[in-house]
Amino acid sequence: MIDGVSWVGIQTQRFAEACRFFEEVFGLRGGSAAVDFAEFECPNGDVVEVFGPRSGHPAHQFARSPVVVGFSVGDIESARRRLERSGVTLLGDVARDPEGGAAWQHFRGPDGLVFELNHYGGR
């Protein structure tokens, strides 16, 4: 079901410093995409997203941890159904990028931590 780890979301109160860290220290491409939100791409295409205090992320996303890991799947609907059949608590519905291609589903792991499935159309 899982193809790999393809996304990491990080909530921080020090948004500008975190962005500089990922750009200058790690050398990742990307940057601010909206207020208190930035997306950085790793050379292999994996994504690191940084969420500041005014980013507007879903309340459940960072409720238990300031770091959320996304697991890549080839078919998000099938993976979602598998989680549901297994009794995993899903948080909301599948969210989709309005420009197409990306879709994600948040869920709770056994200890209550939030994770997500994600699918990138071209990947």
Protein backbone atom coordinates (compact mmCIF):
# COMPACT_ATOMS: atom_id res chain seq x y z
CA MET A 1 0.00 0.00 0.00
CA ILE A 2 2.74 2.50 0.94
CA ASP A 3 5.31 3.49 -1.70
CA GLY A 4 7.49 5.60 0.59
CA VAL A 5 7.72 8.72 2.71
CA SER A 6 7.17 11.66 0.38
CA TRP A 7 6.04 14.55 2.56
CA VAL A 8 6.88 16.11 5.91
CA GLY A 9 4.89 18.96 7.42
CA ILE A 10 6.45 21.06 10.15
CA GLN A 11 4.58 23.54 12.33
CA THR A 12 6.73 26.28 13.82
CA GLN A 13 6.40 29.55 15.68
CA ARG A 14 9.68 30.66 14.05
CA PHE A 15 8.52 30.58 10.44
CA ALA A 16 11.09 32.90 8.82
CA GLU A 17 14.00 31.21 10.59
CA ALA A 18 12.74 27.75 9.62
CA CYS A 19 12.43 28.79 5.97
CA ARG A 20 15.97 30.19 5.95
CA PHE A 21 17.18 26.93 7.51
CA PHE A 22 15.65 24.76 4.77
CA GLU A 23 16.85 27.10 2.02
CA GLU A 24 20.32 28.02 3.24
CA VAL A 25 21.43 25.05 5.34
CA PHE A 26 19.69 22.19 3.50
CA GLY A 27 19.79 23.92 0.11
CA LEU A 28 16.19 23.04 -0.77
CA ARG A 29 14.36 24.76 -3.62
CA GLY A 30 11.11 26.58 -3.02
CA GLY A 31 9.92 29.16 -0.62
CA SER A 32 6.86 31.03 0.53
CA ALA A 33 3.67 30.09 -1.21
CA ALA A 34 1.20 31.92 1.06
CA VAL A 35 1.03 33.66 4.42
CA ASP A 36 3.07 31.61 6.91
CA PHE A 37 3.28 28.68 4.51
CA ALA A 38 6.25 27.54 2.43
CA GLU A 39 6.91 24.46 0.36
CA PHE A 40 10.38 23.12 -0.34
CA GLU A 41 11.27 20.37 -2.78
CA CYS A 42 14.04 17.86 -2.20
CA PRO A 43 16.17 16.77 -5.18
CA ASN A 44 14.24 13.47 -5.40
CA GLY A 45 10.88 15.30 -5.50
CA ASP A 46 9.88 14.76 -1.86
CA VAL A 47 8.29 17.77 -0.19
CA VAL A 48 8.88 19.60 3.10
CA GLU A 49 6.15 22.08 4.01
CA VAL A 50 6.60 24.65 6.77
CA PHE A 51 3.52 26.03 8.54
CA GLY A 52 3.74 29.19 10.64
CA PRO A 53 1.17 30.40 13.18
CA ARG A 54 -1.06 32.08 10.56
CA SER A 55 -0.97 29.34 7.91
CA GLY A 56 -4.57 28.19 8.22
CA HIS A 57 -3.76 24.45 8.35
CA PRO A 58 -6.51 22.09 9.61
CA ALA A 59 -6.72 22.14 13.42
CA HIS A 60 -6.25 18.36 13.69
CA GLN A 61 -3.09 18.32 11.60
CA PHE A 62 -0.64 19.37 14.33
CA ALA A 63 -2.82 18.73 17.39
CA ARG A 64 -0.46 16.12 18.90
CA SER A 65 2.89 16.81 17.22
CA PRO A 66 4.55 19.71 15.37
CA VAL A 67 5.78 17.25 12.72
CA VAL A 68 3.49 15.21 10.44
CA VAL A 69 4.77 12.59 7.99
CA GLY A 70 3.03 11.83 4.72
CA PHE A 71 3.18 8.40 3.16
CA SER A 72 3.06 8.18 -0.62
CA VAL A 73 0.46 5.92 -2.22
CA GLY A 74 -0.34 5.14 -5.84
CA ASP A 75 -4.12 5.10 -5.34
CA ILE A 76 -5.37 7.30 -2.53
CA GLU A 77 -8.97 6.10 -2.68
CA SER A 78 -7.94 2.46 -2.37
CA ALA A 79 -5.50 3.27 0.45
CA ARG A 80 -8.20 5.27 2.26
CA ARG A 81 -10.62 2.34 2.03
CA ARG A 82 -7.97 -0.01 3.39
CA LEU A 83 -7.39 2.25 6.41
CA GLU A 84 -11.13 2.51 6.97
CA ARG A 85 -11.59 -1.29 6.82
CA SER A 86 -8.74 -1.65 9.32
CA GLY A 87 -10.52 0.58 11.82
CA VAL A 88 -8.13 3.53 11.45
CA THR A 89 -9.63 6.90 12.39
CA LEU A 90 -9.77 9.09 9.29
CA LEU A 91 -9.75 12.86 9.79
CA GLY A 92 -12.00 14.49 7.24
CA ASP A 93 -12.29 13.52 3.61
CA VAL A 94 -9.65 13.26 0.93
CA ALA A 95 -8.45 16.81 0.21
CA ARG A 96 -7.43 17.70 -3.30
CA ASP A 97 -5.26 20.44 -4.75
CA PRO A 98 -7.63 22.63 -6.82
CA GLU A 99 -5.04 22.70 -9.62
CA GLY A 100 -5.13 18.90 -9.75
CA GLY A 101 -2.55 16.24 -9.23
CA ALA A 102 -2.15 16.18 -5.44
CA ALA A 103 -4.50 14.58 -2.92
CA TRP A 104 -4.09 13.80 0.78
CA GLN A 105 -5.94 12.15 3.65
CA HIS A 106 -5.11 12.74 7.32
CA PHE A 107 -5.53 9.89 9.79
CA ARG A 108 -4.61 8.94 13.36
CA GLY A 109 -2.02 6.30 14.16
CA PRO A 110 -2.44 3.90 17.09
CA ASP A 111 -1.08 6.43 19.60
CA GLY A 112 -3.21 9.31 18.29
CA LEU A 113 -0.48 10.98 16.25
CA VAL A 114 -1.64 12.42 12.94
CA PHE A 115 -0.18 11.13 9.67
CA GLU A 116 -1.29 11.50 6.09
CA LEU A 117 -1.52 9.52 2.91
CA ASN A 118 -0.61 11.52 -0.16
CA HIS A 119 -0.73 11.04 -3.86
CA TYR A 120 0.93 13.24 -6.44
CA GLY A 121 -0.63 12.65 -9.86
CA GLY A 122 2.58 12.66 -11.87
CA ARG A 123 4.69 10.79 -9.33
